[in-house]
Protein backbone atom coordinates (compact mmCIF):
# COMPACT_ATOMS: atom_id res chain seq x y z
CA UNK A 1 0.00 0.00 0.00
CA UNK A 2 1.13 3.58 -0.59
CA UNK A 3 3.11 5.19 2.25
CA UNK A 4 0.84 8.25 2.23
CA UNK A 5 -2.22 6.17 3.19
CA UNK A 6 -0.93 3.36 5.37
CA UNK A 7 -0.25 4.34 8.96
CA UNK A 8 0.34 2.35 12.09
CA UNK A 9 0.69 3.61 15.62
CA UNK A 10 -0.48 6.73 17.39
CA UNK A 11 -0.80 10.19 15.92
CA UNK A 12 -1.48 11.41 12.38
CA UNK A 13 0.05 9.67 9.41
CA UNK A 14 1.95 11.37 6.58
CA UNK A 15 -1.31 12.42 4.90
CA UNK A 16 -2.68 14.09 8.02
CA UNK A 17 0.67 15.72 8.72
CA UNK A 18 0.86 17.09 5.17
CA UNK A 19 -2.68 18.49 5.30
CA UNK A 20 -2.23 20.03 8.77
CA UNK A 21 1.09 21.71 8.04
CA UNK A 22 -0.02 22.61 4.51
CA UNK A 23 -3.02 24.41 5.99
CA UNK A 24 -0.74 26.18 8.46
CA UNK A 25 1.60 27.17 5.62
CA UNK A 26 -1.27 28.35 3.40
CA UNK A 27 -2.99 30.37 6.11
CA UNK A 28 0.34 31.99 6.95
CA UNK A 29 0.84 32.83 3.29
CA UNK A 30 -2.69 34.17 2.95
CA UNK A 31 -2.61 36.22 6.13
CA UNK A 32 0.93 37.30 6.90
CA UNK A 33 2.03 37.27 3.26
CA UNK A 34 -0.82 39.54 2.23
CA UNK A 35 -0.05 41.94 5.10
CA UNK A 36 3.64 42.04 4.17
CA UNK A 37 2.78 42.79 0.54
CA UNK A 38 0.59 45.68 1.66
CA UNK A 39 3.54 47.14 3.58
CA UNK A 40 5.31 47.79 0.23
CA UNK A 41 8.80 46.99 1.56
CA UNK A 42 10.81 45.50 -1.31
CA UNK A 43 12.04 41.98 -0.63
CA UNK A 44 10.45 41.67 2.81
CA UNK A 45 7.55 39.36 1.85
CA UNK A 46 9.85 36.97 0.03
CA UNK A 47 12.38 36.87 2.85
CA UNK A 48 9.81 36.20 5.55
CA UNK A 49 7.60 33.80 3.61
CA UNK A 50 10.44 31.65 2.25
CA UNK A 51 11.69 31.26 5.82
CA UNK A 52 8.18 30.27 6.85
CA UNK A 53 7.98 27.74 4.00
CA UNK A 54 11.34 26.16 4.89
CA UNK A 55 10.29 25.84 8.53
CA UNK A 56 7.01 24.17 7.57
CA UNK A 57 8.62 21.84 5.02
CA UNK A 58 11.21 20.80 7.57
CA UNK A 59 8.46 19.94 10.06
CA UNK A 60 6.55 17.93 7.46
CA UNK A 61 9.66 16.03 6.36
CA UNK A 62 10.69 15.18 9.91
CA UNK A 63 7.21 14.05 10.97
CA UNK A 64 6.42 11.89 7.93
CA UNK A 65 9.21 9.36 7.71
CA UNK A 66 7.70 6.86 5.29
CA UNK A 67 7.13 9.25 2.38
CA UNK A 68 8.65 12.60 3.32
CA UNK A 69 8.97 13.86 -0.26
CA UNK A 70 5.33 13.19 -1.09
CA UNK A 71 4.16 14.73 2.16
CA UNK A 72 6.23 17.88 1.59
CA UNK A 73 4.84 18.34 -1.91
CA UNK A 74 1.27 17.67 -0.75
CA UNK A 75 1.69 20.28 1.99
CA UNK A 76 2.71 22.76 -0.71
CA UNK A 77 -0.35 21.93 -2.80
CA UNK A 78 -2.60 22.49 0.23
CA UNK A 79 -0.82 25.79 0.96
CA UNK A 80 -1.19 26.94 -2.64
CA UNK A 81 -4.90 26.11 -2.58
CA UNK A 82 -5.37 28.13 0.60
CA UNK A 83 -3.45 31.05 -0.89
CA UNK A 84 -6.40 31.41 -3.26
CA UNK A 85 -8.27 32.91 -0.28
CA UNK A 86 -6.46 36.15 -1.06
CA UNK A 87 -8.78 36.57 -4.04
CA UNK A 88 -11.53 37.34 -1.52
CA UNK A 89 -9.64 40.44 -0.32
CA UNK A 90 -11.01 43.51 -2.13
CA UNK A 91 -8.52 45.06 -4.52
CA UNK A 92 -6.37 41.97 -4.92
CA UNK A 93 -5.81 41.07 -8.55
CA UNK A 94 -5.21 37.65 -10.04
CA UNK A 95 -1.50 38.27 -10.84
CA UNK A 96 -0.88 39.22 -7.19
CA UNK A 97 -2.15 35.79 -6.17
CA UNK A 98 -0.83 33.63 -9.02
CA UNK A 99 2.82 34.64 -8.54
CA UNK A 100 2.94 33.58 -4.86
CA UNK A 101 1.11 30.36 -5.71
CA UNK A 102 3.76 29.56 -8.30
CA UNK A 103 6.44 30.31 -5.72
CA UNK A 104 4.76 28.03 -3.15
CA UNK A 105 4.58 25.16 -5.64
CA UNK A 106 8.22 25.63 -6.68
CA UNK A 107 9.29 25.76 -3.03
CA UNK A 108 7.33 22.57 -2.36
CA UNK A 109 8.94 20.87 -5.36
CA UNK A 110 12.42 21.89 -4.21
CA UNK A 111 11.63 20.74 -0.67
CA UNK A 112 10.32 17.41 -1.94
CA UNK A 113 13.46 16.82 -3.99
CA UNK A 114 15.59 17.70 -0.97
CA UNK A 115 13.57 15.37 1.28
CA UNK A 116 13.84 12.56 -1.26
CA UNK A 117 17.61 12.76 -1.60
CA UNK A 118 18.22 13.50 2.06
CA UNK A 119 16.36 10.36 3.11
CA UNK A 120 17.97 8.26 0.39
CA UNK A 121 21.55 9.33 1.11
CA UNK A 122 21.37 9.50 4.90
CA UNK A 123 24.16 7.52 6.50
CA UNK A 124 25.94 6.56 3.26
CA UNK A 125 28.74 9.13 3.30
CA UNK A 126 31.99 7.54 4.50
CA UNK A 127 33.81 9.29 7.33
CA UNK A 128 37.46 10.14 6.68
CA UNK A 129 40.14 9.00 9.07
CA UNK A 130 38.40 5.83 10.18
CA UNK A 131 39.97 2.50 9.23
CA UNK A 132 38.06 0.65 6.55
CA UNK A 133 37.44 -3.04 7.03
CA UNK A 134 38.38 -5.55 4.36
CA UNK A 135 41.44 -3.67 3.13
CA UNK A 136 45.06 -4.39 4.10
């Protein structure tokens, strides 16, 4: 069975973790991100919201061990969907919402790739200075 569905033990599985943190990410983007854009300080929204995204993606990856890459990307999709709430704010145009949604999805893709390779390569890098077995 797929690692996103199957879950054993206590607490939420990878799917629940992705949806919860994706909602947290999306509501932060919709609320705080919109407020930072209204402040008209160049570069500030990107700096703050990318930091927020990295924090959330790190939480998702660490809490969903079986399929961290899929959970990270799913959290980004949930966040991007919730970012559409900004269209309900009067005076917000479609381009002002589409660009952050694209950024969220690209961040989620980059985070998923990182989570995939980080999990795959963990513990395989040899440590220098230690004697290797099997060699004279």
